[in-house]
Amino acid sequence: KGTAWKESVQRYEMNLLRNINHTQKELANGTYEQKDF
């Protein structure tokens, strides 16, 4: 919300289910690492 126009958000949404699945696996197996600010 409020950022849907951003290119990074649109790229993420183009492969939304794949990205969600990738995040889900990282969180489940404890390998998730936050990117730099």
All heavy atoms as atom14 arrays in JSON, in Angstrom:
{
  "sequence": "KGTAWKESVQRYEMNLLRNINHTQKELANGTYEQKDF",
  "atom14_mask": [
    [1, 1, 1, 1, 1, 1, 1, 1, 1, 0, 0, 0, 0, 0],
    [1, 1, 1, 1, 0, 0, 0, 0, 0, 0, 0, 0, 0, 0],
    [1, 1, 1, 1, 1, 1, 1, 0, 0, 0, 0, 0, 0, 0],
    [1, 1, 1, 1, 1, 0, 0, 0, 0, 0, 0, 0, 0, 0],
    [1, 1, 1, 1, 1, 1, 1, 1, 1, 1, 1, 1, 1, 1],
    [1, 1, 1, 1, 1, 1, 1, 1, 1, 0, 0, 0, 0, 0],
    [1, 1, 1, 1, 1, 1, 1, 1, 1, 0, 0, 0, 0, 0],
    [1, 1, 1, 1, 1, 1, 0, 0, 0, 0, 0, 0, 0, 0],
    [1, 1, 1, 1, 1, 1, 1, 0, 0, 0, 0, 0, 0, 0],
    [1, 1, 1, 1, 1, 1, 1, 1, 1, 0, 0, 0, 0, 0],
    [1, 1, 1, 1, 1, 1, 1, 1, 1, 1, 1, 0, 0, 0],
    [1, 1, 1, 1, 1, 1, 1, 1, 1, 1, 1, 1, 0, 0],
    [1, 1, 1, 1, 1, 1, 1, 1, 1, 0, 0, 0, 0, 0],
    [1, 1, 1, 1, 1, 1, 1, 1, 0, 0, 0, 0, 0, 0],
    [1, 1, 1, 1, 1, 1, 1, 1, 0, 0, 0, 0, 0, 0],
    [1, 1, 1, 1, 1, 1, 1, 1, 0, 0, 0, 0, 0, 0],
    [1, 1, 1, 1, 1, 1, 1, 1, 0, 0, 0, 0, 0, 0],
    [1, 1, 1, 1, 1, 1, 1, 1, 1, 1, 1, 0, 0, 0],
    [1, 1, 1, 1, 1, 1, 1, 1, 0, 0, 0, 0, 0, 0],
    [1, 1, 1, 1, 1, 1, 1, 1, 0, 0, 0, 0, 0, 0],
    [1, 1, 1, 1, 1, 1, 1, 1, 0, 0, 0, 0, 0, 0],
    [1, 1, 1, 1, 1, 1, 1, 1, 1, 1, 0, 0, 0, 0],
    [1, 1, 1, 1, 1, 1, 1, 0, 0, 0, 0, 0, 0, 0],
    [1, 1, 1, 1, 1, 1, 1, 1, 1, 0, 0, 0, 0, 0],
    [1, 1, 1, 1, 1, 1, 1, 1, 1, 0, 0, 0, 0, 0],
    [1, 1, 1, 1, 1, 1, 1, 1, 1, 0, 0, 0, 0, 0],
    [1, 1, 1, 1, 1, 1, 1, 1, 0, 0, 0, 0, 0, 0],
    [1, 1, 1, 1, 1, 0, 0, 0, 0, 0, 0, 0, 0, 0],
    [1, 1, 1, 1, 1, 1, 1, 1, 0, 0, 0, 0, 0, 0],
    [1, 1, 1, 1, 0, 0, 0, 0, 0, 0, 0, 0, 0, 0],
    [1, 1, 1, 1, 1, 1, 1, 0, 0, 0, 0, 0, 0, 0],
    [1, 1, 1, 1, 1, 1, 1, 1, 1, 1, 1, 1, 0, 0],
    [1, 1, 1, 1, 1, 1, 1, 1, 1, 0, 0, 0, 0, 0],
    [1, 1, 1, 1, 1, 1, 1, 1, 1, 0, 0, 0, 0, 0],
    [1, 1, 1, 1, 1, 1, 1, 1, 1, 0, 0, 0, 0, 0],
    [1, 1, 1, 1, 1, 1, 1, 1, 0, 0, 0, 0, 0, 0],
    [1, 1, 1, 1, 1, 1, 1, 1, 1, 1, 1, 0, 0, 0]
  ],
  "atom14_positions": [
    [[0.83, -1.19, 0.0], [0.0, 0.0, 0.0], [0.87, 1.26, 0.0], [1.76, 1.42, 0.83], [-0.93, 0.01, 1.22], [-2.05, -1.03, 1.14], [-2.98, -0.93, 2.34], [-4.13, -1.92, 2.22], [-5.05, -1.85, 3.39], [0.0, 0.0, 0.0], [0.0, 0.0, 0.0], [0.0, 0.0, 0.0], [0.0, 0.0, 0.0], [0.0, 0.0, 0.0]],
    [[0.59, 2.13, -0.94], [1.35, 3.36, -1.06], [2.65, 3.22, -1.83], [3.3, 4.21, -2.13], [0.0, 0.0, 0.0], [0.0, 0.0, 0.0], [0.0, 0.0, 0.0], [0.0, 0.0, 0.0], [0.0, 0.0, 0.0], [0.0, 0.0, 0.0], [0.0, 0.0, 0.0], [0.0, 0.0, 0.0], [0.0, 0.0, 0.0], [0.0, 0.0, 0.0]],
    [[3.04, 1.96, -2.14], [4.29, 1.74, -2.86], [4.11, 0.85, -4.08], [5.09, 0.39, -4.67], [5.35, 1.1, -1.94], [4.88, -0.18, -1.47], [5.64, 1.98, -0.74], [0.0, 0.0, 0.0], [0.0, 0.0, 0.0], [0.0, 0.0, 0.0], [0.0, 0.0, 0.0], [0.0, 0.0, 0.0], [0.0, 0.0, 0.0], [0.0, 0.0, 0.0]],
    [[2.85, 0.58, -4.44], [2.58, -0.33, -5.56], [3.19, 0.15, -6.87], [3.44, -0.64, -7.78], [1.07, -0.54, -5.72], [0.0, 0.0, 0.0], [0.0, 0.0, 0.0], [0.0, 0.0, 0.0], [0.0, 0.0, 0.0], [0.0, 0.0, 0.0], [0.0, 0.0, 0.0], [0.0, 0.0, 0.0], [0.0, 0.0, 0.0], [0.0, 0.0, 0.0]],
    [[3.43, 1.46, -6.97], [3.99, 2.04, -8.2], [5.48, 1.77, -8.35], [6.03, 1.91, -9.46], [3.77, 3.55, -8.2], [4.34, 4.24, -6.99], [3.71, 4.44, -5.79], [5.65, 4.8, -6.85], [4.54, 5.09, -4.91], [5.75, 5.33, -5.54], [6.75, 4.91, -7.7], [6.89, 5.95, -5.06], [7.9, 5.54, -7.23], [7.96, 6.04, -5.93]],
    [[6.16, 1.39, -7.28], [7.61, 1.18, -7.33], [7.96, -0.04, -8.18], [7.29, -1.06, -8.14], [8.18, 1.02, -5.93], [8.14, 2.29, -5.09], [8.84, 2.07, -3.76], [8.88, 3.36, -2.95], [9.58, 3.16, -1.65], [0.0, 0.0, 0.0], [0.0, 0.0, 0.0], [0.0, 0.0, 0.0], [0.0, 0.0, 0.0], [0.0, 0.0, 0.0]],
    [[9.07, 0.09, -8.92], [9.51, -0.99, -9.8], [9.81, -2.27, -9.02], [9.47, -3.37, -9.45], [10.73, -0.55, -10.6], [11.21, -1.59, -11.62], [12.44, -1.13, -12.37], [12.8, 0.06, -12.26], [13.06, -1.96, -13.08], [0.0, 0.0, 0.0], [0.0, 0.0, 0.0], [0.0, 0.0, 0.0], [0.0, 0.0, 0.0], [0.0, 0.0, 0.0]],
    [[10.46, -2.13, -7.86], [10.82, -3.3, -7.06], [9.59, -4.06, -6.58], [9.59, -5.3, -6.55], [11.67, -2.88, -5.86], [10.96, -1.96, -5.03], [0.0, 0.0, 0.0], [0.0, 0.0, 0.0], [0.0, 0.0, 0.0], [0.0, 0.0, 0.0], [0.0, 0.0, 0.0], [0.0, 0.0, 0.0], [0.0, 0.0, 0.0], [0.0, 0.0, 0.0]],
    [[8.53, -3.32, -6.22], [7.28, -3.95, -5.78], [6.6, -4.66, -6.94], [6.1, -5.77, -6.8], [6.34, -2.9, -5.15], [5.01, -3.55, -4.75], [7.0, -2.25, -3.92], [0.0, 0.0, 0.0], [0.0, 0.0, 0.0], [0.0, 0.0, 0.0], [0.0, 0.0, 0.0], [0.0, 0.0, 0.0], [0.0, 0.0, 0.0], [0.0, 0.0, 0.0]],
    [[6.6, -4.03, -8.11], [5.98, -4.63, -9.29], [6.72, -5.89, -9.73], [6.08, -6.88, -10.13], [5.92, -3.6, -10.42], [4.97, -2.45, -10.13], [4.98, -1.39, -11.2], [5.61, -1.54, -12.25], [4.27, -0.29, -10.96], [0.0, 0.0, 0.0], [0.0, 0.0, 0.0], [0.0, 0.0, 0.0], [0.0, 0.0, 0.0], [0.0, 0.0, 0.0]],
    [[8.04, -5.86, -9.65], [8.82, -7.06, -9.99], [8.51, -8.19, -9.03], [8.38, -9.36, -9.43], [10.32, -6.74, -9.97], [10.82, -5.96, -11.17], [12.33, -6.13, -11.32], [13.04, -5.82, -10.09], [13.54, -4.63, -9.78], [13.42, -3.62, -10.64], [14.18, -4.44, -8.64], [0.0, 0.0, 0.0], [0.0, 0.0, 0.0], [0.0, 0.0, 0.0]],
    [[8.41, -7.86, -7.75], [8.09, -8.86, -6.74], [6.71, -9.46, -7.0], [6.52, -10.68, -6.91], [8.14, -8.22, -5.35], [7.97, -9.18, -4.19], [9.07, -9.8, -3.61], [6.71, -9.47, -3.68], [8.92, -10.68, -2.54], [6.55, -10.34, -2.62], [7.66, -10.94, -2.05], [7.5, -11.81, -1.0], [0.0, 0.0, 0.0], [0.0, 0.0, 0.0]],
    [[5.75, -8.63, -7.35], [4.38, -9.1, -7.57], [4.25, -9.94, -8.84], [3.37, -10.8, -8.92], [3.42, -7.91, -7.62], [1.96, -8.31, -7.56], [1.03, -7.14, -7.32], [1.47, -5.96, -7.48], [-0.12, -7.37, -6.92], [0.0, 0.0, 0.0], [0.0, 0.0, 0.0], [0.0, 0.0, 0.0], [0.0, 0.0, 0.0], [0.0, 0.0, 0.0]],
    [[5.1, -9.69, -9.83], [5.05, -10.48, -11.07], [5.27, -11.96, -10.8], [4.72, -12.82, -11.48], [6.1, -9.96, -12.06], [5.74, -8.64, -12.72], [7.08, -8.02, -13.78], [7.15, -9.35, -15.01], [0.0, 0.0, 0.0], [0.0, 0.0, 0.0], [0.0, 0.0, 0.0], [0.0, 0.0, 0.0], [0.0, 0.0, 0.0], [0.0, 0.0, 0.0]],
    [[6.09, -12.27, -9.79], [6.34, -13.66, -9.4], [5.95, -13.85, -7.93], [6.71, -14.39, -7.13], [7.81, -14.03, -9.61], [8.22, -13.99, -11.06], [7.81, -14.84, -11.85], [9.0, -12.99, -11.44], [0.0, 0.0, 0.0], [0.0, 0.0, 0.0], [0.0, 0.0, 0.0], [0.0, 0.0, 0.0], [0.0, 0.0, 0.0], [0.0, 0.0, 0.0]],
    [[4.76, -13.38, -7.61], [4.33, -13.29, -6.22], [4.35, -14.64, -5.51], [4.95, -14.79, -4.45], [2.93, -12.67, -6.12], [2.34, -12.53, -4.71], [3.25, -11.69, -3.82], [0.94, -11.91, -4.77], [0.0, 0.0, 0.0], [0.0, 0.0, 0.0], [0.0, 0.0, 0.0], [0.0, 0.0, 0.0], [0.0, 0.0, 0.0], [0.0, 0.0, 0.0]],
    [[3.7, -15.64, -6.09], [3.6, -16.93, -5.42], [4.97, -17.59, -5.26], [5.25, -18.2, -4.22], [2.67, -17.85, -6.2], [1.19, -17.42, -6.23], [0.36, -18.43, -7.0], [0.64, -17.25, -4.82], [0.0, 0.0, 0.0], [0.0, 0.0, 0.0], [0.0, 0.0, 0.0], [0.0, 0.0, 0.0], [0.0, 0.0, 0.0], [0.0, 0.0, 0.0]],
    [[5.83, -17.45, -6.27], [7.17, -18.0, -6.17], [7.96, -17.29, -5.05], [8.67, -17.95, -4.27], [7.9, -17.85, -7.5], [9.32, -18.45, -7.51], [9.96, -18.27, -8.87], [9.21, -19.0, -9.9], [9.5, -18.93, -11.19], [10.49, -18.16, -11.62], [8.77, -19.63, -12.06], [0.0, 0.0, 0.0], [0.0, 0.0, 0.0], [0.0, 0.0, 0.0]],
    [[7.84, -15.97, -4.98], [8.55, -15.2, -3.95], [8.03, -15.53, -2.55], [8.8, -15.65, -1.6], [8.42, -13.7, -4.22], [9.27, -13.24, -5.39], [10.37, -13.74, -5.61], [8.77, -12.28, -6.15], [0.0, 0.0, 0.0], [0.0, 0.0, 0.0], [0.0, 0.0, 0.0], [0.0, 0.0, 0.0], [0.0, 0.0, 0.0], [0.0, 0.0, 0.0]],
    [[6.72, -15.67, -2.42], [6.13, -16.04, -1.14], [6.6, -17.42, -0.71], [6.96, -17.65, 0.45], [4.59, -16.0, -1.21], [4.09, -14.56, -1.36], [3.96, -16.66, 0.02], [4.36, -13.67, -0.2], [0.0, 0.0, 0.0], [0.0, 0.0, 0.0], [0.0, 0.0, 0.0], [0.0, 0.0, 0.0], [0.0, 0.0, 0.0], [0.0, 0.0, 0.0]],
    [[6.62, -18.34, -1.65], [7.08, -19.7, -1.36], [8.53, -19.72, -0.92], [8.91, -20.43, 0.02], [6.89, -20.59, -2.59], [7.3, -22.03, -2.35], [8.35, -22.48, -2.81], [6.5, -22.77, -1.63], [0.0, 0.0, 0.0], [0.0, 0.0, 0.0], [0.0, 0.0, 0.0], [0.0, 0.0, 0.0], [0.0, 0.0, 0.0], [0.0, 0.0, 0.0]],
    [[9.36, -18.89, -1.58], [10.79, -18.81, -1.23], [10.96, -18.26, 0.19], [11.74, -18.81, 0.99], [11.51, -17.92, -2.24], [12.97, -17.73, -1.94], [13.91, -18.73, -2.1], [13.64, -16.64, -1.45], [15.1, -18.27, -1.74], [14.97, -17.01, -1.35], [0.0, 0.0, 0.0], [0.0, 0.0, 0.0], [0.0, 0.0, 0.0], [0.0, 0.0, 0.0]],
    [[10.22, -17.19, 0.51], [10.28, -16.6, 1.85], [9.79, -17.6, 2.9], [10.38, -17.72, 3.98], [9.44, -15.31, 1.92], [9.96, -14.35, 1.0], [9.46, -14.72, 3.32], [0.0, 0.0, 0.0], [0.0, 0.0, 0.0], [0.0, 0.0, 0.0], [0.0, 0.0, 0.0], [0.0, 0.0, 0.0], [0.0, 0.0, 0.0], [0.0, 0.0, 0.0]],
    [[8.73, -18.29, 2.59], [8.16, -19.28, 3.51], [9.19, -20.35, 3.86], [9.35, -20.71, 5.03], [6.92, -19.91, 2.9], [6.19, -20.87, 3.83], [4.98, -21.48, 3.15], [4.99, -21.76, 1.96], [3.91, -21.69, 3.92], [0.0, 0.0, 0.0], [0.0, 0.0, 0.0], [0.0, 0.0, 0.0], [0.0, 0.0, 0.0], [0.0, 0.0, 0.0]],
    [[9.89, -20.85, 2.86], [10.9, -21.89, 3.09], [12.06, -21.36, 3.94], [12.54, -22.05, 4.84], [11.43, -22.42, 1.76], [10.43, -23.29, 1.0], [11.02, -23.79, -0.31], [10.03, -24.7, -1.04], [10.58, -25.17, -2.34], [0.0, 0.0, 0.0], [0.0, 0.0, 0.0], [0.0, 0.0, 0.0], [0.0, 0.0, 0.0], [0.0, 0.0, 0.0]],
    [[12.51, -20.14, 3.66], [13.6, -19.55, 4.43], [13.22, -19.37, 5.9], [14.01, -19.64, 6.81], [14.0, -18.2, 3.84], [14.78, -18.29, 2.54], [15.31, -16.94, 2.11], [14.64, -15.91, 2.41], [16.38, -16.89, 1.48], [0.0, 0.0, 0.0], [0.0, 0.0, 0.0], [0.0, 0.0, 0.0], [0.0, 0.0, 0.0], [0.0, 0.0, 0.0]],
    [[11.99, -18.92, 6.16], [11.54, -18.73, 7.53], [11.37, -20.07, 8.24], [11.69, -20.2, 9.42], [10.22, -17.96, 7.54], [10.28, -16.49, 7.13], [8.88, -15.91, 6.98], [11.08, -15.66, 8.14], [0.0, 0.0, 0.0], [0.0, 0.0, 0.0], [0.0, 0.0, 0.0], [0.0, 0.0, 0.0], [0.0, 0.0, 0.0], [0.0, 0.0, 0.0]],
    [[10.89, -21.07, 7.52], [10.64, -22.37, 8.13], [11.93, -23.09, 8.52], [12.0, -23.73, 9.57], [9.82, -23.24, 7.18], [0.0, 0.0, 0.0], [0.0, 0.0, 0.0], [0.0, 0.0, 0.0], [0.0, 0.0, 0.0], [0.0, 0.0, 0.0], [0.0, 0.0, 0.0], [0.0, 0.0, 0.0], [0.0, 0.0, 0.0], [0.0, 0.0, 0.0]],
    [[12.97, -22.96, 7.66], [14.21, -23.67, 7.96], [15.26, -22.8, 8.65], [16.4, -23.24, 8.87], [14.8, -24.31, 6.69], [15.1, -23.29, 5.59], [15.46, -22.15, 5.86], [14.95, -23.73, 4.33], [0.0, 0.0, 0.0], [0.0, 0.0, 0.0], [0.0, 0.0, 0.0], [0.0, 0.0, 0.0], [0.0, 0.0, 0.0], [0.0, 0.0, 0.0]],
    [[14.89, -21.55, 8.96], [15.78, -20.68, 9.72], [16.91, -20.06, 8.95], [17.9, -19.62, 9.54], [0.0, 0.0, 0.0], [0.0, 0.0, 0.0], [0.0, 0.0, 0.0], [0.0, 0.0, 0.0], [0.0, 0.0, 0.0], [0.0, 0.0, 0.0], [0.0, 0.0, 0.0], [0.0, 0.0, 0.0], [0.0, 0.0, 0.0], [0.0, 0.0, 0.0]],
    [[16.82, -19.98, 7.62], [17.89, -19.42, 6.8], [17.6, -17.99, 6.34], [18.4, -17.4, 5.62], [18.14, -20.3, 5.56], [16.95, -20.38, 4.77], [18.58, -21.7, 5.99], [0.0, 0.0, 0.0], [0.0, 0.0, 0.0], [0.0, 0.0, 0.0], [0.0, 0.0, 0.0], [0.0, 0.0, 0.0], [0.0, 0.0, 0.0], [0.0, 0.0, 0.0]],
    [[16.47, -17.43, 6.76], [16.12, -16.08, 6.33], [17.11, -15.05, 6.87], [17.45, -15.05, 8.06], [14.71, -15.71, 6.78], [14.39, -14.24, 6.64], [14.01, -13.72, 5.41], [14.47, -13.37, 7.72], [13.72, -12.37, 5.26], [14.18, -12.02, 7.59], [13.81, -11.52, 6.37], [13.54, -10.18, 6.23], [0.0, 0.0, 0.0], [0.0, 0.0, 0.0]],
    [[17.6, -14.17, 6.0], [18.46, -13.07, 6.38], [17.94, -11.79, 5.74], [17.67, -11.76, 4.54], [19.91, -13.31, 5.93], [20.61, -14.47, 6.62], [20.91, -14.19, 8.08], [20.96, -12.99, 8.46], [21.09, -15.16, 8.85], [0.0, 0.0, 0.0], [0.0, 0.0, 0.0], [0.0, 0.0, 0.0], [0.0, 0.0, 0.0], [0.0, 0.0, 0.0]],
    [[17.78, -10.75, 6.55], [17.28, -9.49, 6.03], [18.33, -8.81, 5.17], [19.52, -8.8, 5.49], [16.87, -8.57, 7.18], [16.24, -7.26, 6.73], [15.72, -6.45, 7.9], [14.77, -6.85, 8.57], [16.33, -5.3, 8.15], [0.0, 0.0, 0.0], [0.0, 0.0, 0.0], [0.0, 0.0, 0.0], [0.0, 0.0, 0.0], [0.0, 0.0, 0.0]],
    [[17.91, -8.2, 4.07], [18.81, -7.47, 3.19], [19.22, -6.15, 3.82], [18.61, -5.69, 4.79], [18.15, -7.24, 1.83], [17.77, -8.51, 1.08], [17.06, -8.18, -0.21], [16.69, -9.43, -0.99], [15.75, -10.31, -0.22], [0.0, 0.0, 0.0], [0.0, 0.0, 0.0], [0.0, 0.0, 0.0], [0.0, 0.0, 0.0], [0.0, 0.0, 0.0]],
    [[20.26, -5.52, 3.27], [20.71, -4.23, 3.78], [19.65, -3.17, 3.56], [18.84, -3.24, 2.63], [22.01, -3.81, 3.08], [23.19, -4.68, 3.46], [23.15, -5.3, 4.55], [24.15, -4.76, 2.67], [0.0, 0.0, 0.0], [0.0, 0.0, 0.0], [0.0, 0.0, 0.0], [0.0, 0.0, 0.0], [0.0, 0.0, 0.0], [0.0, 0.0, 0.0]],
    [[19.66, -2.18, 4.46], [18.73, -1.06, 4.33], [19.14, -0.14, 3.18], [20.32, -0.01, 2.85], [18.7, -0.23, 5.62], [18.12, -0.93, 6.8], [18.94, -1.38, 7.83], [16.76, -1.14, 6.91], [18.41, -2.03, 8.93], [16.22, -1.79, 8.0], [17.05, -2.23, 9.02], [0.0, 0.0, 0.0], [0.0, 0.0, 0.0], [0.0, 0.0, 0.0]]
  ]
}
